[in-house]
N, C-alpha and C. Protein backbone atom coordinates (compact mmCIF):
# COMPACT_ATOMS: atom_id res chain seq x y z
N UNK A 1 84.25 -108.45 12.68
CA UNK A 1 84.34 -109.83 12.23
C UNK A 1 82.99 -110.51 12.45
N UNK A 2 82.48 -111.13 11.42
CA UNK A 2 81.18 -111.79 11.48
C UNK A 2 81.37 -113.24 11.94
N UNK A 3 80.53 -113.64 12.89
CA UNK A 3 80.55 -115.03 13.35
C UNK A 3 79.71 -115.85 12.39
N UNK A 4 80.29 -116.93 11.85
CA UNK A 4 79.55 -117.75 10.90
C UNK A 4 79.29 -119.16 11.42
N UNK A 5 79.68 -119.45 12.66
CA UNK A 5 79.44 -120.76 13.23
C UNK A 5 80.51 -121.78 12.86
N UNK A 6 81.44 -121.41 12.00
CA UNK A 6 82.50 -122.32 11.60
C UNK A 6 83.87 -121.73 11.87
N UNK A 7 84.10 -120.53 11.38
CA UNK A 7 85.42 -119.90 11.46
C UNK A 7 85.90 -119.77 12.90
N UNK A 8 85.02 -119.42 13.81
CA UNK A 8 85.47 -119.21 15.20
C UNK A 8 85.90 -120.52 15.88
N UNK A 9 85.63 -121.66 15.26
CA UNK A 9 86.05 -122.95 15.82
C UNK A 9 87.32 -123.48 15.16
N UNK A 10 87.92 -122.70 14.27
CA UNK A 10 89.15 -123.09 13.59
C UNK A 10 90.34 -122.34 14.18
N UNK A 11 91.51 -122.92 14.04
CA UNK A 11 92.73 -122.27 14.52
C UNK A 11 93.03 -121.08 13.62
N UNK A 12 93.03 -119.86 14.17
CA UNK A 12 93.24 -118.65 13.36
C UNK A 12 94.54 -118.67 12.55
N UNK A 13 95.63 -119.13 13.15
CA UNK A 13 96.90 -119.16 12.42
C UNK A 13 96.85 -120.12 11.24
N UNK A 14 96.16 -121.24 11.39
CA UNK A 14 96.02 -122.18 10.28
C UNK A 14 95.21 -121.55 9.16
N UNK A 15 94.11 -120.88 9.49
CA UNK A 15 93.30 -120.20 8.47
C UNK A 15 94.11 -119.13 7.76
N UNK A 16 94.90 -118.36 8.52
CA UNK A 16 95.72 -117.31 7.91
C UNK A 16 96.77 -117.90 6.98
N UNK A 17 97.39 -119.02 7.39
CA UNK A 17 98.40 -119.66 6.55
C UNK A 17 97.77 -120.20 5.26
N UNK A 18 96.62 -120.86 5.39
CA UNK A 18 95.92 -121.39 4.21
C UNK A 18 95.55 -120.25 3.25
N UNK A 19 95.00 -119.19 3.81
CA UNK A 19 94.60 -118.05 2.98
C UNK A 19 95.81 -117.45 2.28
N UNK A 20 96.91 -117.33 2.99
CA UNK A 20 98.13 -116.78 2.40
C UNK A 20 98.65 -117.66 1.26
N UNK A 21 98.69 -118.98 1.50
CA UNK A 21 99.16 -119.92 0.47
C UNK A 21 98.26 -119.92 -0.76
N UNK A 22 96.95 -119.74 -0.53
CA UNK A 22 95.99 -119.75 -1.64
C UNK A 22 95.83 -118.38 -2.30
N UNK A 23 96.35 -117.34 -1.64
CA UNK A 23 96.22 -115.99 -2.17
C UNK A 23 94.80 -115.46 -2.08
N UNK A 24 94.09 -115.83 -1.02
CA UNK A 24 92.71 -115.37 -0.82
C UNK A 24 92.58 -114.80 0.59
N UNK A 25 91.47 -114.16 0.85
CA UNK A 25 91.16 -113.65 2.18
C UNK A 25 90.60 -114.79 3.03
N UNK A 26 90.86 -114.77 4.32
CA UNK A 26 90.35 -115.80 5.23
C UNK A 26 88.84 -115.97 5.07
N UNK A 27 88.13 -114.89 4.85
CA UNK A 27 86.67 -114.96 4.73
C UNK A 27 86.22 -115.74 3.50
N UNK A 28 87.13 -115.96 2.54
CA UNK A 28 86.80 -116.74 1.34
C UNK A 28 86.92 -118.24 1.56
N UNK A 29 87.50 -118.65 2.67
CA UNK A 29 87.62 -120.08 2.99
C UNK A 29 86.34 -120.49 3.72
N UNK A 30 85.59 -121.38 3.09
CA UNK A 30 84.32 -121.81 3.70
C UNK A 30 84.43 -123.18 4.34
N UNK A 31 85.44 -123.95 3.96
CA UNK A 31 85.64 -125.27 4.55
C UNK A 31 86.96 -125.83 4.02
N UNK A 32 87.51 -126.80 4.69
CA UNK A 32 88.71 -127.46 4.21
C UNK A 32 88.84 -128.81 4.91
N UNK A 33 89.60 -129.68 4.30
CA UNK A 33 89.92 -130.97 4.89
C UNK A 33 91.43 -131.07 4.97
N UNK A 34 91.93 -131.39 6.12
CA UNK A 34 93.37 -131.43 6.33
C UNK A 34 93.80 -132.86 6.64
N UNK A 35 94.68 -133.41 5.83
CA UNK A 35 95.21 -134.75 6.04
C UNK A 35 96.70 -134.65 6.32
N UNK A 36 97.13 -135.29 7.38
CA UNK A 36 98.53 -135.28 7.76
C UNK A 36 99.06 -136.71 7.74
N UNK A 37 100.32 -136.85 7.41
CA UNK A 37 100.93 -138.17 7.47
C UNK A 37 102.40 -138.03 7.78
N UNK A 38 102.93 -139.08 8.35
CA UNK A 38 104.33 -139.11 8.77
C UNK A 38 105.22 -139.25 7.54
N UNK A 39 106.24 -138.44 7.45
CA UNK A 39 107.15 -138.48 6.30
C UNK A 39 108.52 -139.08 6.68
N UNK A 40 108.64 -139.57 7.91
CA UNK A 40 109.91 -140.15 8.32
C UNK A 40 110.15 -141.47 7.59
N UNK A 41 111.40 -141.77 7.30
CA UNK A 41 111.76 -143.02 6.66
C UNK A 41 111.58 -144.18 7.62
N UNK A 42 111.35 -145.36 7.07
CA UNK A 42 111.26 -146.56 7.89
C UNK A 42 112.62 -146.83 8.52
N UNK A 43 112.62 -147.56 9.63
CA UNK A 43 113.88 -147.89 10.28
C UNK A 43 113.78 -149.28 10.88
N UNK A 44 114.93 -149.88 11.15
CA UNK A 44 114.99 -151.18 11.80
C UNK A 44 115.19 -150.99 13.28
N UNK A 45 114.62 -151.90 14.06
CA UNK A 45 114.76 -151.83 15.51
C UNK A 45 114.78 -153.22 16.11
N UNK A 46 114.96 -153.29 17.40
CA UNK A 46 115.07 -154.57 18.08
C UNK A 46 116.53 -154.89 18.33
N UNK A 47 116.77 -155.86 19.19
CA UNK A 47 118.14 -156.23 19.56
C UNK A 47 118.95 -156.64 18.34
N UNK A 48 118.31 -157.38 17.43
CA UNK A 48 119.01 -157.86 16.23
C UNK A 48 118.50 -157.18 14.97
N UNK A 49 117.90 -156.00 15.12
CA UNK A 49 117.29 -155.28 13.99
C UNK A 49 116.27 -156.16 13.26
N UNK A 50 115.50 -156.92 14.04
CA UNK A 50 114.53 -157.84 13.46
C UNK A 50 113.16 -157.22 13.20
N UNK A 51 112.97 -155.99 13.65
CA UNK A 51 111.69 -155.31 13.45
C UNK A 51 111.85 -154.12 12.51
N UNK A 52 110.86 -153.94 11.67
CA UNK A 52 110.85 -152.77 10.80
C UNK A 52 109.78 -151.83 11.33
N UNK A 53 110.16 -150.59 11.58
CA UNK A 53 109.23 -149.57 12.06
C UNK A 53 108.92 -148.62 10.90
N UNK A 54 107.65 -148.53 10.55
CA UNK A 54 107.25 -147.66 9.45
C UNK A 54 105.83 -147.17 9.70
N UNK A 55 105.61 -145.91 9.47
CA UNK A 55 104.31 -145.31 9.77
C UNK A 55 103.18 -145.93 8.96
N UNK A 56 103.40 -146.19 7.70
CA UNK A 56 102.33 -146.68 6.84
C UNK A 56 102.31 -148.19 6.71
N UNK A 57 103.38 -148.85 7.10
CA UNK A 57 103.45 -150.30 6.98
C UNK A 57 102.36 -150.98 7.79
N UNK A 58 102.14 -150.54 9.00
CA UNK A 58 101.12 -151.13 9.86
C UNK A 58 99.73 -151.00 9.24
N UNK A 59 99.41 -149.83 8.74
CA UNK A 59 98.09 -149.62 8.13
C UNK A 59 97.90 -150.49 6.90
N UNK A 60 98.92 -150.59 6.06
CA UNK A 60 98.82 -151.40 4.86
C UNK A 60 98.66 -152.87 5.21
N UNK A 61 99.43 -153.36 6.16
CA UNK A 61 99.34 -154.76 6.56
C UNK A 61 97.97 -155.05 7.17
N UNK A 62 97.47 -154.15 8.01
CA UNK A 62 96.17 -154.34 8.64
C UNK A 62 95.06 -154.37 7.60
N UNK A 63 95.09 -153.47 6.64
CA UNK A 63 94.07 -153.44 5.58
C UNK A 63 94.12 -154.72 4.75
N UNK A 64 95.32 -155.16 4.39
CA UNK A 64 95.47 -156.38 3.60
C UNK A 64 94.91 -157.58 4.36
N UNK A 65 95.29 -157.72 5.62
CA UNK A 65 94.82 -158.86 6.40
C UNK A 65 93.31 -158.82 6.62
N UNK A 66 92.75 -157.63 6.79
CA UNK A 66 91.31 -157.49 6.95
C UNK A 66 90.55 -157.93 5.70
N UNK A 67 91.01 -157.49 4.54
CA UNK A 67 90.38 -157.88 3.27
C UNK A 67 90.56 -159.37 3.04
N UNK A 68 91.75 -159.88 3.32
CA UNK A 68 92.01 -161.31 3.14
C UNK A 68 91.07 -162.14 4.03
N UNK A 69 90.87 -161.73 5.26
CA UNK A 69 89.97 -162.45 6.17
C UNK A 69 88.54 -162.42 5.66
N UNK A 70 88.08 -161.28 5.14
CA UNK A 70 86.73 -161.20 4.60
C UNK A 70 86.55 -162.12 3.39
N UNK A 71 87.53 -162.14 2.50
CA UNK A 71 87.47 -162.99 1.31
C UNK A 71 87.43 -164.46 1.73
N UNK A 72 88.29 -164.86 2.65
CA UNK A 72 88.29 -166.24 3.11
C UNK A 72 86.97 -166.61 3.77
N UNK A 73 86.41 -165.70 4.53
CA UNK A 73 85.13 -165.92 5.21
C UNK A 73 84.03 -166.19 4.17
N UNK A 74 83.99 -165.38 3.12
CA UNK A 74 83.00 -165.56 2.07
C UNK A 74 83.25 -166.87 1.31
N UNK A 75 84.52 -167.14 0.99
CA UNK A 75 84.86 -168.36 0.25
C UNK A 75 84.53 -169.63 1.03
N UNK A 76 84.54 -169.57 2.33
CA UNK A 76 84.21 -170.73 3.16
C UNK A 76 82.70 -170.88 3.35
N UNK A 77 81.94 -169.97 2.71
CA UNK A 77 80.47 -170.05 2.79
C UNK A 77 79.89 -169.63 4.11
N UNK A 78 80.59 -168.84 4.87
CA UNK A 78 80.11 -168.41 6.18
C UNK A 78 79.34 -167.10 6.14
N UNK A 79 79.15 -166.58 4.94
CA UNK A 79 78.43 -165.31 4.83
C UNK A 79 77.18 -165.50 4.04
């Protein structure tokens, strides 16, 4: 097995699974990007079910509020 400075730092089972799914040899994989996300459904929580728990809801709300704050900042002439 040749050391290439990359493969030996990857999880061997992950490389084997990727190679198997792609129908190629592990040595043919030169790089990859792996994105994971929660697939669980949203749920209600709290004493009166007043909170909604969702993996992506927080990120979406944070991004929206961040963009909204930047727009307001510019519109107020502070930039």
